[in-house]
Amino acid sequence: MALNKETKITLTILTAIVVAFIGYRFLQDLPILQKTQKIYTHYDQVNGLKEGSYVYINGVKVGSVREFKLVDDKDKVRVTLGFNTGITIRKGAVAVLKSDGLLGGMAIYVRDGKGSEPVPAGGNIPGVLEPGIVQTFTQNADSIANDASETFDRINAITAQLQKIVDKENQQKISSLLTHLKDASNEMALLMQRKRHELANSIEHANHLLANLDTLSAQNSESIDSTITNLQQASANLEQISGGTVITVEQLNSILKKIDEGKGSFGLLINDPSLYNHIDSLAANMQQLIEDINEDPDKYLKNLNLIKVF
């Protein structure tokens, strides 16, 4: 059955509508025959974000951006997020808007909440703007440009100073210095080459000396062990002598303490002042007696038989 012109036109229009709908859903990253769950979030600005930009959870694409709308007297931008069927967003989730690459594209990365209660369809989750490399560079472009300008100015100043330093006169001095260094290096190399044999002999003698020392140590190991044993015994004896000395000192301290306290005969002699007084008085009497004898010896010798004989 042949179709008339009107029917063909109608079918063509319907086919175009279906293709356009499928193309729109495809370009917007929407399921063609499935509904999506809408959740809203808000940002101060959404530069670089487009309708159809991807929404990720843990790096997995779970939806896309549906539309933007200015709200709160144009102070905020409400972004509609469309999530694929079967994706559950829990309360406490955050929608992070950040760069999706170096070309300035933006995407939304959802950090899911820790709770068990899901965000209902048409609900809201807070939005956080996380500047990427391009945004950070754009925000700090003036500061970076100033720093770069200062850096280039410093490089130019250093280059100018180097040009002043490396003039013709200084070039000759530097060339002369390098020549002297080269000559000194050559002379050092010749000296090392000439003295190589002597250095080898010195090293060989040192090796022989070390070998002889090892042999000497091995041969006299018994004597060394005996000496160490004797030293250990002497150390033990010294410890015993030291212990006896400590005991003797303690005993001497005890005796001196008793003498100082006036205990015993010697303590009484030391601490009794009357003994000193008697001795001092006796010495005075003896001195007087001697002087008296010297002045009048007859007084003391007249009763002696020796005097009578004479």
Protein backbone atom coordinates (compact mmCIF):
# COMPACT_ATOMS: atom_id res chain seq x y z
CA MET A 1 0.00 0.00 0.00
CA ALA A 2 1.47 3.26 -1.08
CA LEU A 3 1.71 6.05 1.44
CA ASN A 4 0.51 9.43 0.52
CA LYS A 5 2.63 12.53 0.79
CA GLU A 6 1.08 13.70 4.08
CA THR A 7 1.80 10.37 5.79
CA LYS A 8 5.42 10.39 4.65
CA ILE A 9 5.89 13.93 5.94
CA THR A 10 4.33 12.96 9.29
CA LEU A 11 6.56 9.89 9.66
CA THR A 12 9.61 11.95 8.73
CA ILE A 13 8.79 14.56 11.39
CA LEU A 14 8.19 11.88 14.06
CA THR A 15 11.45 10.15 13.14
CA ALA A 16 13.32 13.48 13.39
CA ILE A 17 11.74 14.14 16.79
CA VAL A 18 12.77 10.70 18.09
CA VAL A 19 16.31 11.09 16.73
CA ALA A 20 16.56 14.57 18.20
CA PHE A 21 15.32 13.28 21.59
CA ILE A 22 17.78 10.39 21.56
CA GLY A 23 20.59 12.70 20.46
CA TYR A 24 19.76 15.20 23.20
CA ARG A 25 19.68 12.48 25.86
CA PHE A 26 22.93 11.08 24.51
CA LEU A 27 24.67 14.47 24.43
CA GLN A 28 23.39 15.26 27.93
CA ASP A 29 24.66 11.86 29.12
CA LEU A 30 21.15 10.84 30.13
CA PRO A 31 19.77 7.32 29.99
CA ILE A 32 17.69 7.13 26.85
CA LEU A 33 14.77 5.13 28.26
CA GLN A 34 15.29 5.58 32.02
CA LYS A 35 14.44 8.34 34.46
CA THR A 36 17.15 9.97 36.58
CA GLN A 37 17.14 11.12 40.18
CA LYS A 38 17.64 14.87 40.61
CA ILE A 39 19.52 16.37 43.52
CA TYR A 40 20.44 20.04 43.89
CA THR A 41 23.59 21.80 45.06
CA HIS A 42 24.69 25.44 45.21
CA TYR A 43 27.88 27.36 44.38
CA ASP A 44 29.02 30.97 44.39
CA GLN A 45 30.17 30.61 40.78
CA VAL A 46 30.42 27.78 38.25
CA ASN A 47 33.01 29.02 35.74
CA GLY A 48 33.93 26.21 33.36
CA LEU A 49 31.00 23.97 34.32
CA LYS A 50 28.58 23.05 31.52
CA GLU A 51 25.31 21.22 31.18
CA GLY A 52 26.26 17.62 30.59
CA SER A 53 29.47 17.83 32.68
CA TYR A 54 30.09 14.56 34.46
CA VAL A 55 29.36 13.74 38.11
CA TYR A 56 31.70 11.24 39.77
CA ILE A 57 31.75 9.18 42.96
CA ASN A 58 35.13 7.64 43.80
CA GLY A 59 36.22 8.22 40.20
CA VAL A 60 33.19 6.42 38.72
CA LYS A 61 30.80 8.41 36.51
CA VAL A 62 27.34 8.24 38.11
CA GLY A 63 25.51 11.10 36.43
CA SER A 64 25.77 14.50 34.86
CA VAL A 65 24.87 18.17 35.31
CA ARG A 66 21.32 18.97 34.13
CA GLU A 67 20.96 22.74 34.40
CA PHE A 68 22.00 25.97 36.21
CA LYS A 69 19.80 28.57 37.80
CA LEU A 70 20.54 31.81 39.66
CA VAL A 71 18.87 31.93 43.09
CA ASP A 72 19.02 34.03 46.29
CA ASP A 73 18.92 37.30 44.36
CA LYS A 74 21.61 36.03 41.99
CA ASP A 75 24.09 35.46 44.84
CA LYS A 76 24.09 31.69 44.34
CA VAL A 77 23.93 29.29 41.42
CA ARG A 78 21.73 26.24 41.86
CA VAL A 79 23.05 23.25 39.93
CA THR A 80 20.78 20.33 39.16
CA LEU A 81 22.55 16.98 39.30
CA GLY A 82 21.04 13.96 37.57
CA PHE A 83 22.10 10.59 38.98
CA ASN A 84 21.68 7.29 37.17
CA THR A 85 19.05 4.86 38.38
CA GLY A 86 20.26 2.76 41.31
CA ILE A 87 22.68 5.39 42.67
CA THR A 88 21.92 6.33 46.28
CA ILE A 89 23.39 9.49 47.78
CA ARG A 90 23.52 9.43 51.60
CA LYS A 91 23.01 12.41 53.84
CA GLY A 92 26.23 14.20 54.69
CA ALA A 93 27.44 14.03 51.10
CA VAL A 94 29.29 17.01 49.60
CA ALA A 95 29.45 18.03 45.92
CA VAL A 96 32.98 19.24 45.13
CA LEU A 97 33.33 21.33 42.00
CA LYS A 98 36.87 21.12 40.64
CA SER A 99 38.91 20.95 37.46
CA ASP A 100 38.51 17.92 35.23
CA GLY A 101 41.81 18.49 33.38
CA LEU A 102 44.33 21.04 32.18
CA LEU A 103 41.97 22.46 29.53
CA GLY A 104 39.79 24.23 32.07
CA GLY A 105 36.88 21.77 32.07
CA MET A 106 35.05 21.32 35.35
CA ALA A 107 33.33 18.32 36.88
CA ILE A 108 31.57 17.53 40.14
CA TYR A 109 33.01 14.91 42.49
CA VAL A 110 30.55 13.76 45.13
CA ARG A 111 31.96 12.74 48.50
CA ASP A 112 29.30 10.44 49.83
CA GLY A 113 28.09 10.79 53.42
CA LYS A 114 28.70 8.33 56.24
CA GLY A 115 25.10 8.00 57.37
CA SER A 116 22.56 5.40 56.33
CA GLU A 117 19.67 7.74 55.46
CA PRO A 118 19.56 8.60 51.73
CA VAL A 119 19.10 12.08 50.27
CA PRO A 120 15.58 12.14 48.79
CA ALA A 121 14.93 13.02 45.17
CA GLY A 122 14.85 16.80 44.85
CA GLY A 123 16.93 17.18 48.03
CA ASN A 124 19.99 19.36 48.50
CA ILE A 125 23.63 18.62 49.29
CA PRO A 126 26.20 21.34 50.05
CA GLY A 127 28.57 22.40 47.29
CA VAL A 128 32.27 23.15 47.72
CA LEU A 129 34.46 24.89 45.12
CA GLU A 130 37.97 23.45 44.86
CA PRO A 131 40.12 25.51 42.44
CA GLY A 132 42.21 23.49 40.02
CA ILE A 133 45.55 24.26 38.44
CA VAL A 134 44.10 26.59 35.82
CA GLN A 135 41.94 28.45 38.33
CA THR A 136 44.80 28.80 40.78
CA PHE A 137 47.07 30.05 38.04
CA THR A 138 44.39 32.50 36.88
CA GLN A 139 43.79 33.81 40.40
CA ASN A 140 47.49 34.26 41.04
CA ALA A 141 48.39 35.41 37.53
CA ASP A 142 49.30 38.94 38.63
CA SER A 143 51.46 37.74 41.51
CA ILE A 144 53.18 35.15 39.30
CA ALA A 145 53.78 37.75 36.60
CA ASN A 146 55.31 40.16 39.13
CA ASP A 147 57.55 37.42 40.57
CA ALA A 148 58.61 36.40 37.05
CA SER A 149 59.36 40.03 36.17
CA GLU A 150 61.47 40.48 39.31
CA THR A 151 63.29 37.22 38.56
CA PHE A 152 64.11 38.31 35.01
CA ASP A 153 65.27 41.70 36.30
CA ARG A 154 67.63 39.98 38.74
CA ILE A 155 68.91 37.68 36.00
CA ASN A 156 69.56 40.67 33.76
CA ALA A 157 71.38 42.50 36.58
CA ILE A 158 73.55 39.43 37.30
CA THR A 159 74.28 39.05 33.59
CA ALA A 160 75.31 42.71 33.38
CA GLN A 161 77.62 42.29 36.39
CA LEU A 162 79.14 39.18 34.83
CA GLN A 163 79.75 41.08 31.61
CA LYS A 164 81.53 43.80 33.57
CA ILE A 165 83.65 41.26 35.43
CA VAL A 166 84.56 39.27 32.34
CA ASP A 167 86.05 42.17 30.37
CA LYS A 168 89.16 41.89 28.22
CA GLU A 169 91.58 42.53 31.10
CA ASN A 170 89.89 40.03 33.39
CA GLN A 171 89.61 37.55 30.54
CA GLN A 172 93.39 37.62 30.23
CA LYS A 173 93.76 37.15 34.00
CA ILE A 174 91.32 34.25 33.99
CA SER A 175 93.09 32.71 31.00
CA SER A 176 96.45 33.08 32.79
CA LEU A 177 95.00 31.55 35.96
CA LEU A 178 93.63 28.59 34.02
CA THR A 179 97.02 28.15 32.33
CA HIS A 180 98.79 28.10 35.71
CA LEU A 181 96.26 25.61 37.05
CA LYS A 182 96.81 23.40 34.04
CA ASP A 183 100.60 23.59 34.48
CA ALA A 184 100.30 22.79 38.18
CA SER A 185 98.04 19.83 37.39
CA ASN A 186 100.53 18.52 34.84
CA GLU A 187 103.42 18.90 37.28
CA MET A 188 101.44 17.08 39.96
CA ALA A 189 100.71 14.26 37.53
CA LEU A 190 104.43 13.99 36.61
CA LEU A 191 105.42 14.01 40.29
CA MET A 192 102.92 11.25 41.08
CA GLN A 193 104.19 9.25 38.13
CA ARG A 194 107.82 9.62 39.28
CA LYS A 195 107.02 8.79 42.89
CA ARG A 196 104.69 5.93 42.05
CA HIS A 197 107.40 3.33 42.72
CA GLU A 198 108.29 4.90 46.07
CA LEU A 199 104.64 5.03 47.05
CA ALA A 200 104.24 1.37 46.13
CA ASN A 201 107.30 0.49 48.26
CA SER A 202 105.95 2.49 51.19
CA ILE A 203 102.62 0.70 50.97
CA GLU A 204 104.40 -2.67 50.76
CA HIS A 205 106.54 -1.83 53.83
CA ALA A 206 103.43 -0.80 55.72
CA ASN A 207 101.80 -4.12 54.84
CA HIS A 208 104.90 -5.99 56.06
CA LEU A 209 104.88 -3.99 59.30
CA LEU A 210 101.26 -4.82 59.92
CA ALA A 211 101.92 -8.50 59.17
CA ASN A 212 104.88 -8.50 61.61
CA LEU A 213 102.71 -6.89 64.27
CA ASP A 214 100.08 -9.58 63.75
CA THR A 215 102.75 -12.29 64.04
CA LEU A 216 104.25 -10.67 67.14
CA SER A 217 100.84 -10.47 68.74
CA ALA A 218 100.16 -14.14 67.95
CA GLN A 219 103.56 -15.29 69.33
CA ASN A 220 103.27 -13.31 72.54
CA SER A 221 99.61 -13.90 73.12
CA GLU A 222 100.35 -16.15 76.13
CA SER A 223 102.59 -13.50 77.69
CA ILE A 224 99.98 -10.85 77.07
CA ASP A 225 97.30 -13.05 78.64
CA SER A 226 99.58 -13.70 81.64
CA THR A 227 100.27 -9.98 82.03
CA ILE A 228 96.56 -9.22 81.92
CA THR A 229 95.93 -11.94 84.54
CA ASN A 230 98.63 -10.49 86.81
CA LEU A 231 97.14 -7.04 86.38
CA GLN A 232 93.75 -8.40 87.34
CA GLN A 233 95.21 -10.07 90.43
CA ALA A 234 97.07 -6.89 91.35
CA SER A 235 93.82 -4.98 90.97
CA ALA A 236 92.07 -7.47 93.28
CA ASN A 237 94.90 -7.11 95.85
CA LEU A 238 94.64 -3.35 95.65
CA GLU A 239 90.93 -3.63 96.31
CA GLN A 240 91.66 -5.78 99.41
CA ILE A 241 94.32 -3.32 100.60
CA SER A 242 91.92 -0.47 99.96
CA GLY A 243 89.27 -2.26 102.02
CA GLY A 244 91.76 -2.77 104.91
CA THR A 245 92.82 0.85 104.70
CA VAL A 246 89.20 1.94 104.94
CA ILE A 247 88.75 -0.20 108.06
CA THR A 248 91.95 1.21 109.59
CA VAL A 249 90.85 4.76 108.90
CA GLU A 250 87.48 4.04 110.47
CA GLN A 251 89.18 2.63 113.58
CA LEU A 252 91.52 5.62 113.76
CA ASN A 253 88.57 7.97 113.45
CA SER A 254 86.86 6.09 116.29
CA ILE A 255 89.96 6.45 118.50
CA LEU A 256 90.30 10.15 117.71
CA LYS A 257 86.63 10.63 118.43
CA LYS A 258 87.02 8.99 121.85
CA ILE A 259 90.10 11.14 122.60
CA ASP A 260 88.20 14.26 121.57
CA GLU A 261 85.30 13.27 123.82
CA GLY A 262 87.73 12.81 126.76
CA LYS A 263 87.30 9.06 127.06
CA GLY A 264 90.24 6.97 128.33
CA SER A 265 93.47 8.07 129.97
CA PHE A 266 94.90 9.71 126.88
CA GLY A 267 91.62 11.53 126.33
CA LEU A 268 91.69 12.83 129.90
CA LEU A 269 95.29 14.00 129.45
CA ILE A 270 94.39 15.80 126.25
CA ASN A 271 91.16 17.36 127.41
CA ASP A 272 92.02 18.10 131.12
CA PRO A 273 93.35 21.72 131.39
CA SER A 274 94.66 21.16 134.91
CA LEU A 275 97.50 19.00 133.59
CA TYR A 276 98.67 21.87 131.43
CA ASN A 277 98.46 24.25 134.40
CA HIS A 278 100.49 21.91 136.66
CA ILE A 279 103.14 21.40 133.99
CA ASP A 280 103.34 25.14 133.38
CA SER A 281 103.64 25.77 137.14
CA LEU A 282 106.32 23.06 137.44
CA ALA A 283 108.28 24.59 134.59
CA ALA A 284 108.13 27.99 136.26
CA ASN A 285 109.34 26.54 139.57
CA MET A 286 112.16 24.70 137.82
CA GLN A 287 113.22 27.91 136.10
CA GLN A 288 113.24 29.75 139.44
CA LEU A 289 115.19 26.95 141.08
CA ILE A 290 117.83 26.99 138.36
CA GLU A 291 118.21 30.74 138.63
CA ASP A 292 118.52 30.49 142.42
CA ILE A 293 121.18 27.79 142.12
CA ASN A 294 123.14 29.91 139.71
CA GLU A 295 122.99 32.89 142.02
CA ASP A 296 123.87 31.08 145.25
CA PRO A 297 125.18 27.57 144.61
CA ASP A 298 126.67 27.34 148.11
CA LYS A 299 123.23 27.44 149.52
CA TYR A 300 122.47 24.10 147.96
CA LEU A 301 125.94 22.52 148.02
CA LYS A 302 126.96 23.22 151.63
CA ASN A 303 125.36 20.07 152.93
CA LEU A 304 127.02 17.80 150.37
CA ASN A 305 129.94 15.60 151.54
CA LEU A 306 131.91 16.71 148.53
CA ILE A 307 132.00 20.22 149.88
CA LYS A 308 133.00 18.99 153.28
CA VAL A 309 135.94 17.10 151.91
CA PHE A 310 137.23 20.23 150.26
